[in-house]
Amino acid sequence: MAYATIPDMIAAFGEDELITVTTPEGMDRVVVDQDKVNAALGVASDEIDSYLRRKYAVPLVSVSPMLMRACCVLTRWV
């Protein structure tokens, strides 16, 4: 379970940035590659879980805005 969604990423960083980082060099920048973003969200959420599982049952059922924001930030750099 990802702790953030594509709409969360767009709200945090803007659609233009997501289009730019998910489009290969030399291709027209038209649309967000949702598969790439979802894969990165999964990686970031797994990283978060690797720390949280020491104290909590994961995946968390309730996601705070701060955790969602942390997931977006980690996803941006995956």
Protein backbone atom coordinates (compact mmCIF):
# COMPACT_ATOMS: atom_id res chain seq x y z
CA MET A 1 0.00 0.00 0.00
CA ALA A 2 1.42 3.36 -1.02
CA TYR A 3 1.20 6.19 1.50
CA ALA A 4 0.62 8.77 -1.25
CA THR A 5 -1.07 8.89 -4.64
CA ILE A 6 -0.40 10.49 -8.01
CA PRO A 7 -2.82 13.34 -7.18
CA ASP A 8 -0.83 13.89 -3.95
CA MET A 9 2.36 14.09 -6.00
CA ILE A 10 0.78 16.55 -8.43
CA ALA A 11 -0.45 18.70 -5.54
CA ALA A 12 3.01 18.66 -3.95
CA PHE A 13 5.21 19.24 -7.00
CA GLY A 14 3.01 20.09 -9.96
CA GLU A 15 2.02 18.11 -13.01
CA ASP A 16 4.71 19.71 -15.19
CA GLU A 17 7.49 18.39 -12.95
CA LEU A 18 6.03 14.87 -12.93
CA ILE A 19 5.73 14.93 -16.70
CA THR A 20 9.33 16.09 -16.98
CA VAL A 21 10.81 13.46 -14.66
CA THR A 22 8.80 10.57 -16.10
CA THR A 23 9.41 11.30 -19.79
CA PRO A 24 12.54 9.80 -21.38
CA GLU A 25 15.04 12.17 -23.04
CA GLY A 26 14.10 13.14 -26.54
CA MET A 27 10.41 12.29 -26.24
CA ASP A 28 7.55 14.77 -26.22
CA ARG A 29 6.56 15.79 -22.71
CA VAL A 30 2.82 15.33 -22.77
CA VAL A 31 1.55 13.17 -19.93
CA VAL A 32 2.66 11.77 -16.56
CA ASP A 33 3.85 8.17 -16.84
CA GLN A 34 1.61 6.80 -14.11
CA ASP A 35 3.36 3.42 -14.05
CA LYS A 36 6.69 5.07 -13.21
CA VAL A 37 5.13 7.26 -10.50
CA ASN A 38 3.25 4.33 -8.95
CA ALA A 39 6.42 2.23 -8.95
CA ALA A 40 8.34 5.03 -7.23
CA LEU A 41 5.50 5.49 -4.71
CA GLY A 42 5.76 1.78 -3.92
CA VAL A 43 9.51 1.98 -3.38
CA ALA A 44 9.16 5.03 -1.12
CA SER A 45 6.34 3.41 0.87
CA ASP A 46 8.40 0.23 1.32
CA GLU A 47 11.29 2.35 2.61
CA ILE A 48 8.96 4.03 5.11
CA ASP A 49 7.63 0.64 6.21
CA SER A 50 11.17 -0.64 6.76
CA TYR A 51 11.57 1.95 9.51
CA LEU A 52 8.06 1.83 10.92
CA ARG A 53 7.85 -1.96 11.25
CA ARG A 54 10.25 -1.79 14.20
CA LYS A 55 7.43 -0.28 16.30
CA TYR A 56 4.18 -0.58 14.33
CA ALA A 57 2.20 -3.06 12.29
CA VAL A 58 2.60 -2.04 8.65
CA PRO A 59 1.19 -0.95 6.34
CA LEU A 60 -0.44 1.71 8.48
CA VAL A 61 -4.21 1.92 8.17
CA SER A 62 -4.39 5.64 8.80
CA VAL A 63 -1.98 7.95 7.00
CA SER A 64 -1.28 11.38 8.45
CA PRO A 65 -0.70 14.35 6.15
CA MET A 66 2.91 14.47 7.35
CA LEU A 67 3.51 10.83 6.41
CA MET A 68 1.90 11.40 3.02
CA ARG A 69 4.18 14.41 2.46
CA ALA A 70 7.24 12.37 3.49
CA CYS A 71 6.23 9.69 1.00
CA CYS A 72 5.92 12.31 -1.75
CA VAL A 73 9.36 13.72 -0.96
CA LEU A 74 10.97 10.27 -0.97
CA THR A 75 9.16 9.37 -4.19
CA ARG A 76 10.47 12.48 -5.88
CA TRP A 77 14.05 11.24 -5.38
CA VAL A 78 13.52 7.55 -6.19
